[in-house]
Amino acid sequence: MKVTVIVYSNDPETVWNAFRFATTSLIYENQVSVFLLGKGVEAMTVSTLKYDILEQVELFRNNGGKIIGCGVCCENRKEEMPFLQQELHCDMGSMQELYGLVAEADKVLTF
């Protein structure tokens, strides 16, 4: 099954749970893509000791997950977060790419 997870929150617990779910979906042999949209592109910058997002992202990637960040959303934050794209360590995407992921997905979840 193809699963698309859209993360548009920068709340640490929400982002942490999104990646926990995405990794769990991979373990059940699904193809999973995470698209970071809006505040979601800040996901790697909101990791805390309690909600270790970076650890969850590493687990997700190590299990074959794909992360795409919204290029326009990153560009909109360039003044206050100039190194955001580098911190994400992922491909930059567009609305067209998000549309393709949603159109091809069997399931779409938003966090």
PDB file of N, CA and C in Angstrom:
ATOM      1  N   MET A   1       0.844  -1.170   0.000  1.00  0.00           N
ATOM      2  CA  MET A   1       0.000   0.000   0.000  1.00  0.00           C
ATOM      3  C   MET A   1       0.898   1.245   0.000  1.00  0.00           C
ATOM      4  N   LYS A   2       0.487   2.281  -0.686  1.00  0.00           N
ATOM      5  CA  LYS A   2       1.201   3.557  -0.695  1.00  0.00           C
ATOM      6  C   LYS A   2       0.534   4.510   0.287  1.00  0.00           C
ATOM      7  N   VAL A   3       1.341   5.043   1.198  1.00  0.00           N
ATOM      8  CA  VAL A   3       0.851   5.945   2.231  1.00  0.00           C
ATOM      9  C   VAL A   3       1.580   7.277   2.096  1.00  0.00           C
ATOM     10  N   THR A   4       0.818   8.353   2.104  1.00  0.00           N
ATOM     11  CA  THR A   4       1.393   9.696   2.120  1.00  0.00           C
ATOM     12  C   THR A   4       1.017  10.351   3.435  1.00  0.00           C
ATOM     13  N   VAL A   5       2.029  10.835   4.146  1.00  0.00           N
ATOM     14  CA  VAL A   5       1.822  11.537   5.408  1.00  0.00           C
ATOM     15  C   VAL A   5       2.197  12.992   5.174  1.00  0.00           C
ATOM     16  N   ILE A   6       1.261  13.883   5.436  1.00  0.00           N
ATOM     17  CA  ILE A   6       1.506  15.322   5.288  1.00  0.00           C
ATOM     18  C   ILE A   6       1.638  15.910   6.688  1.00  0.00           C
ATOM     19  N   VAL A   7       2.790  16.515   6.948  1.00  0.00           N
ATOM     20  CA  VAL A   7       3.037  17.150   8.240  1.00  0.00           C
ATOM     21  C   VAL A   7       3.014  18.652   8.018  1.00  0.00           C
ATOM     22  N   TYR A   8       2.045  19.334   8.635  1.00  0.00           N
ATOM     23  CA  TYR A   8       1.970  20.792   8.488  1.00  0.00           C
ATOM     24  C   TYR A   8       2.002  21.484   9.846  1.00  0.00           C
ATOM     25  N   SER A   9       2.480  20.761  10.855  1.00  0.00           N
ATOM     26  CA  SER A   9       2.586  21.305  12.202  1.00  0.00           C
ATOM     27  C   SER A   9       4.054  21.400  12.600  1.00  0.00           C
ATOM     28  N   ASN A  10       4.364  22.347  13.483  1.00  0.00           N
ATOM     29  CA  ASN A  10       5.693  22.405  14.069  1.00  0.00           C
ATOM     30  C   ASN A  10       5.631  22.131  15.570  1.00  0.00           C
ATOM     31  N   ASP A  11       4.529  21.539  16.004  1.00  0.00           N
ATOM     32  CA  ASP A  11       4.386  21.116  17.391  1.00  0.00           C
ATOM     33  C   ASP A  11       5.210  19.845  17.581  1.00  0.00           C
ATOM     34  N   PRO A  12       6.176  19.829  18.511  1.00  0.00           N
ATOM     35  CA  PRO A  12       7.064  18.678  18.646  1.00  0.00           C
ATOM     36  C   PRO A  12       6.350  17.337  18.822  1.00  0.00           C
ATOM     37  N   GLU A  13       5.347  17.281  19.673  1.00  0.00           N
ATOM     38  CA  GLU A  13       4.660  16.008  19.895  1.00  0.00           C
ATOM     39  C   GLU A  13       3.935  15.535  18.637  1.00  0.00           C
ATOM     40  N   THR A  14       3.338  16.451  17.912  1.00  0.00           N
ATOM     41  CA  THR A  14       2.627  16.100  16.679  1.00  0.00           C
ATOM     42  C   THR A  14       3.582  15.567  15.622  1.00  0.00           C
ATOM     43  N   VAL A  15       4.687  16.248  15.424  1.00  0.00           N
ATOM     44  CA  VAL A  15       5.678  15.815  14.431  1.00  0.00           C
ATOM     45  C   VAL A  15       6.267  14.466  14.831  1.00  0.00           C
ATOM     46  N   TRP A  16       6.579  14.306  16.103  1.00  0.00           N
ATOM     47  CA  TRP A  16       7.119  13.053  16.631  1.00  0.00           C
ATOM     48  C   TRP A  16       6.162  11.895  16.352  1.00  0.00           C
ATOM     49  N   ASN A  17       4.881  12.107  16.628  1.00  0.00           N
ATOM     50  CA  ASN A  17       3.886  11.060  16.369  1.00  0.00           C
ATOM     51  C   ASN A  17       3.718  10.780  14.881  1.00  0.00           C
ATOM     52  N   ALA A  18       3.817  11.793  14.056  1.00  0.00           N
ATOM     53  CA  ALA A  18       3.710  11.596  12.609  1.00  0.00           C
ATOM     54  C   ALA A  18       4.809  10.658  12.115  1.00  0.00           C
ATOM     55  N   PHE A  19       6.039  10.888  12.563  1.00  0.00           N
ATOM     56  CA  PHE A  19       7.146  10.030  12.131  1.00  0.00           C
ATOM     57  C   PHE A  19       7.086   8.650  12.779  1.00  0.00           C
ATOM     58  N   ARG A  20       6.574   8.558  13.993  1.00  0.00           N
ATOM     59  CA  ARG A  20       6.384   7.239  14.610  1.00  0.00           C
ATOM     60  C   ARG A  20       5.394   6.420  13.785  1.00  0.00           C
ATOM     61  N   PHE A  21       4.299   7.072  13.383  1.00  0.00           N
ATOM     62  CA  PHE A  21       3.308   6.373  12.561  1.00  0.00           C
ATOM     63  C   PHE A  21       3.895   5.987  11.214  1.00  0.00           C
ATOM     64  N   ALA A  22       4.620   6.915  10.591  1.00  0.00           N
ATOM     65  CA  ALA A  22       5.203   6.651   9.274  1.00  0.00           C
ATOM     66  C   ALA A  22       6.178   5.476   9.330  1.00  0.00           C
ATOM     67  N   THR A  23       6.990   5.403  10.370  1.00  0.00           N
ATOM     68  CA  THR A  23       7.933   4.293  10.514  1.00  0.00           C
ATOM     69  C   THR A  23       7.188   2.988  10.758  1.00  0.00           C
ATOM     70  N   THR A  24       6.167   3.031  11.568  1.00  0.00           N
ATOM     71  CA  THR A  24       5.357   1.835  11.814  1.00  0.00           C
ATOM     72  C   THR A  24       4.745   1.339  10.511  1.00  0.00           C
ATOM     73  N   SER A  25       4.288   2.250   9.680  1.00  0.00           N
ATOM     74  CA  SER A  25       3.711   1.869   8.385  1.00  0.00           C
ATOM     75  C   SER A  25       4.745   1.189   7.499  1.00  0.00           C
ATOM     76  N   LEU A  26       5.982   1.648   7.553  1.00  0.00           N
ATOM     77  CA  LEU A  26       7.053   1.019   6.775  1.00  0.00           C
ATOM     78  C   LEU A  26       7.316  -0.405   7.251  1.00  0.00           C
ATOM     79  N   ILE A  27       7.256  -0.596   8.541  1.00  0.00           N
ATOM     80  CA  ILE A  27       7.511  -1.924   9.110  1.00  0.00           C
ATOM     81  C   ILE A  27       6.499  -2.946   8.577  1.00  0.00           C
ATOM     82  N   TYR A  28       5.296  -2.469   8.274  1.00  0.00           N
ATOM     83  CA  TYR A  28       4.264  -3.347   7.704  1.00  0.00           C
ATOM     84  C   TYR A  28       4.331  -3.393   6.174  1.00  0.00           C
ATOM     85  N   GLU A  29       5.517  -3.095   5.649  1.00  0.00           N
ATOM     86  CA  GLU A  29       5.836  -3.224   4.229  1.00  0.00           C
ATOM     87  C   GLU A  29       5.007  -2.330   3.302  1.00  0.00           C
ATOM     88  N   ASN A  30       4.727  -1.127   3.785  1.00  0.00           N
ATOM     89  CA  ASN A  30       4.078  -0.128   2.941  1.00  0.00           C
ATOM     90  C   ASN A  30       5.134   0.798   2.361  1.00  0.00           C
ATOM     91  N   GLN A  31       4.795   1.462   1.292  1.00  0.00           N
ATOM     92  CA  GLN A  31       5.648   2.500   0.713  1.00  0.00           C
ATOM     93  C   GLN A  31       5.155   3.817   1.297  1.00  0.00           C
ATOM     94  N   VAL A  32       6.022   4.519   2.035  1.00  0.00           N
ATOM     95  CA  VAL A  32       5.591   5.707   2.771  1.00  0.00           C
ATOM     96  C   VAL A  32       6.420   6.926   2.382  1.00  0.00           C
ATOM     97  N   SER A  33       5.720   8.012   2.083  1.00  0.00           N
ATOM     98  CA  SER A  33       6.350   9.305   1.824  1.00  0.00           C
ATOM     99  C   SER A  33       5.805  10.307   2.828  1.00  0.00           C
ATOM    100  N   VAL A  34       6.691  11.140   3.353  1.00  0.00           N
ATOM    101  CA  VAL A  34       6.291  12.227   4.244  1.00  0.00           C
ATOM    102  C   VAL A  34       6.559  13.532   3.511  1.00  0.00           C
ATOM    103  N   PHE A  35       5.525  14.370   3.413  1.00  0.00           N
ATOM    104  CA  PHE A  35       5.659  15.682   2.782  1.00  0.00           C
ATOM    105  C   PHE A  35       5.516  16.727   3.879  1.00  0.00           C
ATOM    106  N   LEU A  36       6.554  17.558   4.046  1.00  0.00           N
ATOM    107  CA  LEU A  36       6.554  18.619   5.050  1.00  0.00           C
ATOM    108  C   LEU A  36       6.036  19.900   4.406  1.00  0.00           C
ATOM    109  N   LEU A  37       4.931  20.410   4.939  1.00  0.00           N
ATOM    110  CA  LEU A  37       4.228  21.544   4.336  1.00  0.00           C
ATOM    111  C   LEU A  37       4.006  22.627   5.384  1.00  0.00           C
ATOM    112  N   GLY A  38       4.092  23.892   4.994  1.00  0.00           N
ATOM    113  CA  GLY A  38       3.853  24.984   5.932  1.00  0.00           C
ATOM    114  C   GLY A  38       4.818  24.900   7.105  1.00  0.00           C
ATOM    115  N   LYS A  39       4.268  24.995   8.325  1.00  0.00           N
ATOM    116  CA  LYS A  39       5.098  24.919   9.526  1.00  0.00           C
ATOM    117  C   LYS A  39       5.811  23.574   9.650  1.00  0.00           C
ATOM    118  N   GLY A  40       5.344  22.580   8.930  1.00  0.00           N
ATOM    119  CA  GLY A  40       5.962  21.255   8.957  1.00  0.00           C
ATOM    120  C   GLY A  40       7.404  21.244   8.485  1.00  0.00           C
ATOM    121  N   VAL A  41       7.800  22.216   7.658  1.00  0.00           N
ATOM    122  CA  VAL A  41       9.197  22.251   7.205  1.00  0.00           C
ATOM    123  C   VAL A  41      10.151  22.563   8.359  1.00  0.00           C
ATOM    124  N   GLU A  42       9.612  22.993   9.485  1.00  0.00           N
ATOM    125  CA  GLU A  42      10.426  23.277  10.661  1.00  0.00           C
ATOM    126  C   GLU A  42      10.631  22.028  11.523  1.00  0.00           C
ATOM    127  N   ALA A  43      10.192  20.882  11.045  1.00  0.00           N
ATOM    128  CA  ALA A  43      10.178  19.641  11.828  1.00  0.00           C
ATOM    129  C   ALA A  43      11.513  19.312  12.479  1.00  0.00           C
ATOM    130  N   MET A  44      12.602  19.437  11.763  1.00  0.00           N
ATOM    131  CA  MET A  44      13.913  19.033  12.308  1.00  0.00           C
ATOM    132  C   MET A  44      14.430  20.026  13.342  1.00  0.00           C
ATOM    133  N   THR A  45      13.843  21.198  13.399  1.00  0.00           N
ATOM    134  CA  THR A  45      14.328  22.228  14.323  1.00  0.00           C
ATOM    135  C   THR A  45      13.575  22.232  15.646  1.00  0.00           C
ATOM    136  N   VAL A  46      12.537  21.413  15.782  1.00  0.00           N
ATOM    137  CA  VAL A  46      11.719  21.442  16.999  1.00  0.00           C
ATOM    138  C   VAL A  46      11.907  20.194  17.862  1.00  0.00           C
ATOM    139  N   SER A  47      12.902  19.381  17.552  1.00  0.00           N
ATOM    140  CA  SER A  47      13.186  18.180  18.326  1.00  0.00           C
ATOM    141  C   SER A  47      13.545  18.553  19.763  1.00  0.00           C
ATOM    142  N   THR A  48      13.054  17.773  20.717  1.00  0.00           N
ATOM    143  CA  THR A  48      13.339  18.003  22.133  1.00  0.00           C
ATOM    144  C   THR A  48      13.798  16.689  22.760  1.00  0.00           C
ATOM    145  N   LEU A  49      14.229  16.734  24.007  1.00  0.00           N
ATOM    146  CA  LEU A  49      14.605  15.503  24.700  1.00  0.00           C
ATOM    147  C   LEU A  49      13.394  14.573  24.834  1.00  0.00           C
ATOM    148  N   LYS A  50      12.255  15.149  25.149  1.00  0.00           N
ATOM    149  CA  LYS A  50      11.041  14.349  25.326  1.00  0.00           C
ATOM    150  C   LYS A  50      10.522  13.820  23.997  1.00  0.00           C
ATOM    151  N   TYR A  51      10.558  14.658  22.961  1.00  0.00           N
ATOM    152  CA  TYR A  51      10.073  14.286  21.629  1.00  0.00           C
ATOM    153  C   TYR A  51      11.246  14.345  20.658  1.00  0.00           C
ATOM    154  N   ASP A  52      12.025  13.270  20.639  1.00  0.00           N
ATOM    155  CA  ASP A  52      13.239  13.210  19.833  1.00  0.00           C
ATOM    156  C   ASP A  52      12.874  12.934  18.374  1.00  0.00           C
ATOM    157  N   ILE A  53      12.536  13.996  17.683  1.00  0.00           N
ATOM    158  CA  ILE A  53      12.120  13.908  16.286  1.00  0.00           C
ATOM    159  C   ILE A  53      13.265  13.424  15.411  1.00  0.00           C
ATOM    160  N   LEU A  54      14.466  13.885  15.686  1.00  0.00           N
ATOM    161  CA  LEU A  54      15.610  13.484  14.867  1.00  0.00           C
ATOM    162  C   LEU A  54      15.820  11.972  14.918  1.00  0.00           C
ATOM    163  N   GLU A  55      15.608  11.382  16.076  1.00  0.00           N
ATOM    164  CA  GLU A  55      15.709   9.928  16.194  1.00  0.00           C
ATOM    165  C   GLU A  55      14.625   9.237  15.363  1.00  0.00           C
ATOM    166  N   GLN A  56      13.407   9.758  15.412  1.00  0.00           N
ATOM    167  CA  GLN A  56      12.305   9.172  14.644  1.00  0.00           C
ATOM    168  C   GLN A  56      12.538   9.324  13.140  1.00  0.00           C
ATOM    169  N   VAL A  57      13.063  10.458  12.730  1.00  0.00           N
ATOM    170  CA  VAL A  57      13.368  10.683  11.316  1.00  0.00           C
ATOM    171  C   VAL A  57      14.439   9.700  10.845  1.00  0.00           C
ATOM    172  N   GLU A  58      15.453   9.484  11.672  1.00  0.00           N
ATOM    173  CA  GLU A  58      16.510   8.538  11.316  1.00  0.00           C
ATOM    174  C   GLU A  58      15.944   7.122  11.167  1.00  0.00           C
ATOM    175  N   LEU A  59      15.089   6.718  12.094  1.00  0.00           N
ATOM    176  CA  LEU A  59      14.446   5.405  11.987  1.00  0.00           C
ATOM    177  C   LEU A  59      13.629   5.303  10.700  1.00  0.00           C
ATOM    178  N   PHE A  60      12.893   6.372  10.387  1.00  0.00           N
ATOM    179  CA  PHE A  60      12.071   6.404   9.180  1.00  0.00           C
ATOM    180  C   PHE A  60      12.941   6.248   7.933  1.00  0.00           C
ATOM    181  N   ARG A  61      14.002   7.022   7.868  1.00  0.00           N
ATOM    182  CA  ARG A  61      14.891   6.956   6.703  1.00  0.00           C
ATOM    183  C   ARG A  61      15.590   5.598   6.606  1.00  0.00           C
ATOM    184  N   ASN A  62      16.035   5.079   7.730  1.00  0.00           N
ATOM    185  CA  ASN A  62      16.735   3.797   7.735  1.00  0.00           C
ATOM    186  C   ASN A  62      15.845   2.641   7.305  1.00  0.00           C
ATOM    187  N   ASN A  63      14.546   2.819   7.423  1.00  0.00           N
ATOM    188  CA  ASN A  63      13.599   1.787   7.001  1.00  0.00           C
ATOM    189  C   ASN A  63      13.061   2.028   5.588  1.00  0.00           C
ATOM    190  N   GLY A  64      13.660   2.983   4.877  1.00  0.00           N
ATOM    191  CA  GLY A  64      13.300   3.204   3.481  1.00  0.00           C
ATOM    192  C   GLY A  64      12.289   4.295   3.217  1.00  0.00           C
ATOM    193  N   GLY A  65      11.990   5.103   4.217  1.00  0.00           N
ATOM    194  CA  GLY A  65      11.029   6.188   4.037  1.00  0.00           C
ATOM    195  C   GLY A  65      11.600   7.353   3.247  1.00  0.00           C
ATOM    196  N   LYS A  66      10.715   8.089   2.597  1.00  0.00           N
ATOM    197  CA  LYS A  66      11.115   9.229   1.770  1.00  0.00           C
ATOM    198  C   LYS A  66      10.505  10.500   2.362  1.00  0.00           C
ATOM    199  N   ILE A  67      11.350  11.535   2.518  1.00  0.00           N
ATOM    200  CA  ILE A  67      10.897  12.824   3.040  1.00  0.00           C
ATOM    201  C   ILE A  67      11.071  13.882   1.963  1.00  0.00           C
ATOM    202  N   ILE A  68      10.034  14.680   1.785  1.00  0.00           N
ATOM    203  CA  ILE A  68      10.066  15.785   0.822  1.00  0.00           C
ATOM    204  C   ILE A  68       9.621  17.041   1.554  1.00  0.00           C
ATOM    205  N   GLY A  69      10.373  18.114   1.410  1.00  0.00           N
ATOM    206  CA  GLY A  69      10.009  19.393   2.013  1.00  0.00           C
ATOM    207  C   GLY A  69       9.477  20.343   0.960  1.00  0.00           C
ATOM    208  N   CYS A  70       8.532  21.158   1.329  1.00  0.00           N
ATOM    209  CA  CYS A  70       7.979  22.150   0.410  1.00  0.00           C
ATOM    210  C   CYS A  70       9.022  23.256   0.192  1.00  0.00           C
ATOM    211  N   GLY A  71       9.484  23.384  -1.038  1.00  0.00           N
ATOM    212  CA  GLY A  71      10.495  24.380  -1.361  1.00  0.00           C
ATOM    213  C   GLY A  71      10.031  25.803  -1.117  1.00  0.00           C
ATOM    214  N   VAL A  72       8.791  26.108  -1.470  1.00  0.00           N
ATOM    215  CA  VAL A  72       8.257  27.460  -1.267  1.00  0.00           C
ATOM    216  C   VAL A  72       8.142  27.767   0.224  1.00  0.00           C
ATOM    217  N   CYS A  73       7.716  26.786   1.010  1.00  0.00           N
ATOM    218  CA  CYS A  73       7.586  26.983   2.458  1.00  0.00           C
ATOM    219  C   CYS A  73       8.945  27.269   3.095  1.00  0.00           C
ATOM    220  N   CYS A  74       9.991  26.582   2.633  1.00  0.00           N
ATOM    221  CA  CYS A  74      11.346  26.843   3.118  1.00  0.00           C
ATOM    222  C   CYS A  74      11.804  28.231   2.694  1.00  0.00           C
ATOM    223  N   GLU A  75      11.534  28.570   1.452  1.00  0.00           N
ATOM    224  CA  GLU A  75      11.924  29.883   0.937  1.00  0.00           C
ATOM    225  C   GLU A  75      11.258  31.004   1.733  1.00  0.00           C
ATOM    226  N   ASN A  76       9.991  30.814   2.127  1.00  0.00           N
ATOM    227  CA  ASN A  76       9.266  31.818   2.901  1.00  0.00           C
ATOM    228  C   ASN A  76       9.874  32.045   4.285  1.00  0.00           C
ATOM    229  N   ARG A  77      10.668  31.098   4.772  1.00  0.00           N
ATOM    230  CA  ARG A  77      11.274  31.200   6.097  1.00  0.00           C
ATOM    231  C   ARG A  77      12.767  31.543   6.025  1.00  0.00           C
ATOM    232  N   LYS A  78      13.241  31.868   4.849  1.00  0.00           N
ATOM    233  CA  LYS A  78      14.677  32.049   4.629  1.00  0.00           C
ATOM    234  C   LYS A  78      15.290  33.139   5.517  1.00  0.00           C
ATOM    235  N   GLU A  79      14.574  34.241   5.742  1.00  0.00           N
ATOM    236  CA  GLU A  79      15.133  35.328   6.556  1.00  0.00           C
ATOM    237  C   GLU A  79      15.363  34.892   7.993  1.00  0.00           C
ATOM    238  N   GLU A  80      14.358  34.278   8.608  1.00  0.00           N
ATOM    239  CA  GLU A  80      14.497  33.889  10.013  1.00  0.00           C
ATOM    240  C   GLU A  80      15.156  32.519  10.206  1.00  0.00           C
ATOM    241  N   MET A  81      15.177  31.688   9.158  1.00  0.00           N
ATOM    242  CA  MET A  81      15.771  30.354   9.247  1.00  0.00           C
ATOM    243  C   MET A  81      16.592  30.093   7.982  1.00  0.00           C
ATOM    244  N   PRO A  82      17.738  30.767   7.820  1.00  0.00           N
ATOM    245  CA  PRO A  82      18.488  30.702   6.555  1.00  0.00           C
ATOM    246  C   PRO A  82      19.032  29.319   6.194  1.00  0.00           C
ATOM    247  N   PHE A  83      19.215  28.441   7.166  1.00  0.00           N
ATOM    248  CA  PHE A  83      19.798  27.129   6.886  1.00  0.00           C
ATOM    249  C   PHE A  83      18.761  26.004   6.949  1.00  0.00           C
ATOM    250  N   LEU A  84      17.496  26.378   6.851  1.00  0.00           N
ATOM    251  CA  LEU A  84      16.420  25.401   7.001  1.00  0.00           C
ATOM    252  C   LEU A  84      16.508  24.265   5.985  1.00  0.00           C
ATOM    253  N   GLN A  85      16.723  24.579   4.725  1.00  0.00           N
ATOM    254  CA  GLN A  85      16.796  23.522   3.701  1.00  0.00           C
ATOM    255  C   GLN A  85      17.923  22.539   3.989  1.00  0.00           C
ATOM    256  N   GLN A  86      19.069  23.028   4.446  1.00  0.00           N
ATOM    257  CA  GLN A  86      20.180  22.142   4.768  1.00  0.00           C
ATOM    258  C   GLN A  86      19.862  21.279   5.983  1.00  0.00           C
ATOM    259  N   GLU A  87      19.151  21.834   6.966  1.00  0.00           N
ATOM    260  CA  GLU A  87      18.802  21.090   8.175  1.00  0.00           C
ATOM    261  C   GLU A  87      17.804  19.976   7.883  1.00  0.00           C
ATOM    262  N   LEU A  88      16.991  20.148   6.861  1.00  0.00           N
ATOM    263  CA  LEU A  88      15.999  19.129   6.531  1.00  0.00           C
ATOM    264  C   LEU A  88      16.631  17.879   5.931  1.00  0.00           C
ATOM    265  N   HIS A  89      17.729  18.039   5.216  1.00  0.00           N
ATOM    266  CA  HIS A  89      18.404  16.898   4.576  1.00  0.00           C
ATOM    267  C   HIS A  89      17.418  16.063   3.757  1.00  0.00           C
ATOM    268  N   CYS A  90      16.648  16.740   2.913  1.00  0.00           N
ATOM    269  CA  CYS A  90      15.693  16.007   2.076  1.00  0.00           C
ATOM    270  C   CYS A  90      15.501  16.743   0.758  1.00  0.00           C
ATOM    271  N   ASP A  91      14.829  16.077  -0.165  1.00  0.00           N
ATOM    272  CA  ASP A  91      14.507  16.709  -1.440  1.00  0.00           C
ATOM    273  C   ASP A  91      13.483  17.807  -1.210  1.00  0.00           C
ATOM    274  N   MET A  92      13.568  18.831  -2.038  1.00  0.00           N
ATOM    275  CA  MET A  92      12.563  19.891  -2.002  1.00  0.00           C
ATOM    276  C   MET A  92      11.513  19.591  -3.068  1.00  0.00           C
ATOM    277  N   GLY A  93      10.270  19.784  -2.710  1.00  0.00           N
ATOM    278  CA  GLY A  93       9.174  19.477  -3.627  1.00  0.00           C
ATOM    279  C   GLY A  93       8.286  20.682  -3.858  1.00  0.00           C
ATOM    280  N   SER A  94       7.241  20.444  -4.614  1.00  0.00           N
ATOM    281  CA  SER A  94       6.301  21.493  -4.997  1.00  0.00           C
ATOM    282  C   SER A  94       4.878  20.992  -4.790  1.00  0.00           C
ATOM    283  N   MET A  95       3.929  21.858  -5.033  1.00  0.00           N
ATOM    284  CA  MET A  95       2.520  21.458  -4.965  1.00  0.00           C
ATOM    285  C   MET A  95       2.222  20.374  -6.000  1.00  0.00           C
ATOM    286  N   GLN A  96       2.876  20.426  -7.136  1.00  0.00           N
ATOM    287  CA  GLN A  96       2.671  19.400  -8.152  1.00  0.00           C
ATOM    288  C   GLN A  96       3.144  18.039  -7.643  1.00  0.00           C
ATOM    289  N   GLU A  97       4.269  18.027  -6.944  1.00  0.00           N
ATOM    290  CA  GLU A  97       4.762  16.773  -6.392  1.00  0.00           C
ATOM    291  C   GLU A  97       3.834  16.267  -5.287  1.00  0.00           C
ATOM    292  N   LEU A  98       3.368  17.174  -4.440  1.00  0.00           N
ATOM    293  CA  LEU A  98       2.411  16.788  -3.402  1.00  0.00           C
ATOM    294  C   LEU A  98       1.143  16.226  -4.038  1.00  0.00           C
ATOM    295  N   TYR A  99       0.671  16.877  -5.088  1.00  0.00           N
ATOM    296  CA  TYR A  99      -0.497  16.370  -5.792  1.00  0.00           C
ATOM    297  C   TYR A  99      -0.263  14.940  -6.288  1.00  0.00           C
ATOM    298  N   GLY A 100       0.893  14.699  -6.871  1.00  0.00           N
ATOM    299  CA  GLY A 100       1.227  13.363  -7.369  1.00  0.00           C
ATOM    300  C   GLY A 100       1.237  12.325  -6.255  1.00  0.00           C
ATOM    301  N   LEU A 101       1.807  12.677  -5.103  1.00  0.00           N
ATOM    302  CA  LEU A 101       1.832  11.755  -3.969  1.00  0.00           C
ATOM    303  C   LEU A 101       0.420  11.427  -3.492  1.00  0.00           C
ATOM    304  N   VAL A 102      -0.418  12.460  -3.412  1.00  0.00           N
ATOM    305  CA  VAL A 102      -1.800  12.269  -2.957  1.00  0.00           C
ATOM    306  C   VAL A 102      -2.595  11.452  -3.979  1.00  0.00           C
ATOM    307  N   ALA A 103      -2.407  11.756  -5.258  1.00  0.00           N
ATOM    308  CA  ALA A 103      -3.152  11.051  -6.311  1.00  0.00           C
ATOM    309  C   ALA A 103      -2.795   9.563  -6.357  1.00  0.00           C
ATOM    310  N   GLU A 104      -1.537   9.233  -6.095  1.00  0.00           N
ATOM    311  CA  GLU A 104      -1.077   7.850  -6.167  1.00  0.00           C
ATOM    312  C   GLU A 104      -1.274   7.081  -4.864  1.00  0.00           C
ATOM    313  N   ALA A 105      -1.534   7.789  -3.767  1.00  0.00           N
ATOM    314  CA  ALA A 105      -1.611   7.141  -2.454  1.00  0.00           C
ATOM    315  C   ALA A 105      -2.909   6.363  -2.278  1.00  0.00           C
ATOM    316  N   ASP A 106      -2.775   5.260  -1.553  1.00  0.00           N
ATOM    317  CA  ASP A 106      -3.955   4.521  -1.121  1.00  0.00           C
ATOM    318  C   ASP A 106      -4.538   5.166   0.135  1.00  0.00           C
ATOM    319  N   LYS A 107      -3.674   5.747   0.940  1.00  0.00           N
ATOM    320  CA  LYS A 107      -4.076   6.420   2.186  1.00  0.00           C
ATOM    321  C   LYS A 107      -3.276   7.714   2.329  1.00  0.00           C
ATOM    322  N   VAL A 108      -3.955   8.773   2.776  1.00  0.00           N
ATOM    323  CA  VAL A 108      -3.311  10.057   3.059  1.00  0.00           C
ATOM    324  C   VAL A 108      -3.671  10.455   4.480  1.00  0.00           C
ATOM    325  N   LEU A 109      -2.661  10.779   5.274  1.00  0.00           N
ATOM    326  CA  LEU A 109      -2.871  11.236   6.640  1.00  0.00           C
ATOM    327  C   LEU A 109      -2.234  12.588   6.816  1.00  0.00           C
ATOM    328  N   THR A 110      -2.849  13.419   7.626  1.00  0.00           N
ATOM    329  CA  THR A 110      -2.283  14.738   7.898  1.00  0.00           C
ATOM    330  C   THR A 110      -2.057  14.889   9.392  1.00  0.00           C
ATOM    331  N   PHE A 111      -0.952  15.533   9.716  1.00  0.00           N
ATOM    332  CA  PHE A 111      -0.602  15.803  11.111  1.00  0.00           C
ATOM    333  C   PHE A 111      -0.276  17.268  11.254  1.00  0.00           C
TER     334      PHE A 111
END
